[in-house]
Protein backbone atom coordinates (compact mmCIF):
# COMPACT_ATOMS: atom_id res chain seq x y z
CA MET A 1 75.42 78.26 221.26
CA ILE A 2 74.21 75.01 219.82
CA ARG A 3 74.53 71.86 221.86
CA ILE A 4 75.26 68.62 219.98
CA GLY A 5 75.55 65.81 222.48
CA ARG A 6 78.01 66.97 225.12
CA TYR A 7 79.61 69.54 222.80
CA GLU A 8 78.62 73.18 222.73
CA LEU A 9 79.39 74.93 219.46
CA GLY A 10 79.29 78.65 218.90
CA PHE A 11 78.69 80.43 215.62
CA ALA A 12 82.28 80.29 214.35
CA PRO A 13 82.94 76.55 214.77
CA LEU A 14 79.49 75.62 213.50
CA SER A 15 79.83 77.82 210.44
CA MET A 16 83.29 76.38 209.76
CA ILE A 17 81.85 72.87 209.80
CA ILE A 18 79.11 73.86 207.37
CA VAL A 19 81.54 75.69 205.08
CA PHE A 20 83.90 72.70 205.00
CA ILE A 21 81.10 70.26 204.17
CA VAL A 22 79.88 72.47 201.32
CA LEU A 23 83.38 73.09 199.98
CA SER A 24 84.20 69.39 200.25
CA ALA A 25 81.17 68.45 198.18
CA CYS A 26 82.07 71.11 195.63
CA ALA A 27 85.68 69.86 195.52
CA VAL A 28 84.61 66.31 194.68
CA ALA A 29 82.14 67.53 192.07
CA ALA A 30 84.83 69.74 190.52
CA ALA A 31 87.28 66.83 190.46
CA PHE A 32 84.82 64.71 188.50
CA HIS A 33 84.22 67.64 186.17
CA GLN A 34 87.97 68.27 185.69
CA ALA A 35 88.95 64.64 185.06
CA ARG A 36 89.79 64.02 181.43
CA PRO A 37 91.06 60.80 179.83
CA GLU A 38 93.92 62.66 178.15
CA TRP A 39 95.25 64.07 181.43
CA PRO A 40 97.99 62.03 183.07
CA MET A 41 96.76 62.87 186.60
CA PRO A 42 94.39 60.25 188.04
CA LEU A 43 91.07 61.18 189.62
CA PRO A 44 92.07 60.42 193.25
CA SER A 45 94.97 62.87 192.97
CA ILE A 46 92.67 65.59 191.67
CA ILE A 47 90.24 64.92 194.53
CA ILE A 48 93.04 65.15 197.11
CA ILE A 49 94.30 68.44 195.66
CA ASN A 50 90.80 69.92 195.61
CA GLU A 51 90.10 68.74 199.17
CA GLY A 52 93.35 70.36 200.31
CA MET A 53 92.27 73.64 198.76
CA ALA A 54 88.85 73.31 200.45
CA LEU A 55 90.55 72.71 203.80
CA LEU A 56 92.82 75.71 203.30
CA ALA A 57 89.88 77.93 202.36
CA THR A 58 88.00 76.74 205.45
CA LEU A 59 91.00 77.51 207.65
CA VAL A 60 91.30 81.04 206.27
CA TYR A 61 87.53 81.53 206.64
CA GLY A 62 87.69 80.34 210.25
CA ILE A 63 90.51 82.72 211.10
CA PHE A 64 88.61 85.69 209.68
CA VAL A 65 85.35 84.71 211.38
CA HIS A 66 87.02 84.24 214.77
CA PHE A 67 88.76 87.62 214.48
CA ALA A 68 85.52 89.30 213.41
CA ILE A 69 83.62 87.82 216.34
CA GLU A 70 86.38 88.86 218.74
CA ILE A 71 86.36 92.43 217.37
CA ILE A 72 82.57 92.59 217.67
CA ASN A 73 82.73 91.35 221.27
CA ARG A 74 85.39 93.96 222.15
CA LEU A 75 83.33 96.75 220.57
CA ARG A 76 80.29 95.72 222.63
CA LYS A 77 82.18 96.21 225.91
C-alpha cells in the first residue's frame, strides 16, 4: 500500500491512476495528430471522444486487475 496524504492506495487503484494519465496524454496527442482541416469535426470533439475511449479502457483494465488480484488472494488462502 502506498500512502498519499490520508489516502492509502493499493496496487490496483494506483495502477489505474497511472494507466489513465498515460492514456489521457496519448488521447490528446492522437487528437492533435488526427485533426485535419478538411474534416468537419472540430478538435475539441475529437479530444472528448478520445478521452472517453481512454476512460473506458481504464475502466476495463481496472475491472480485470481487481479480479486478478482477488483471484490471486483466494489462491493464496
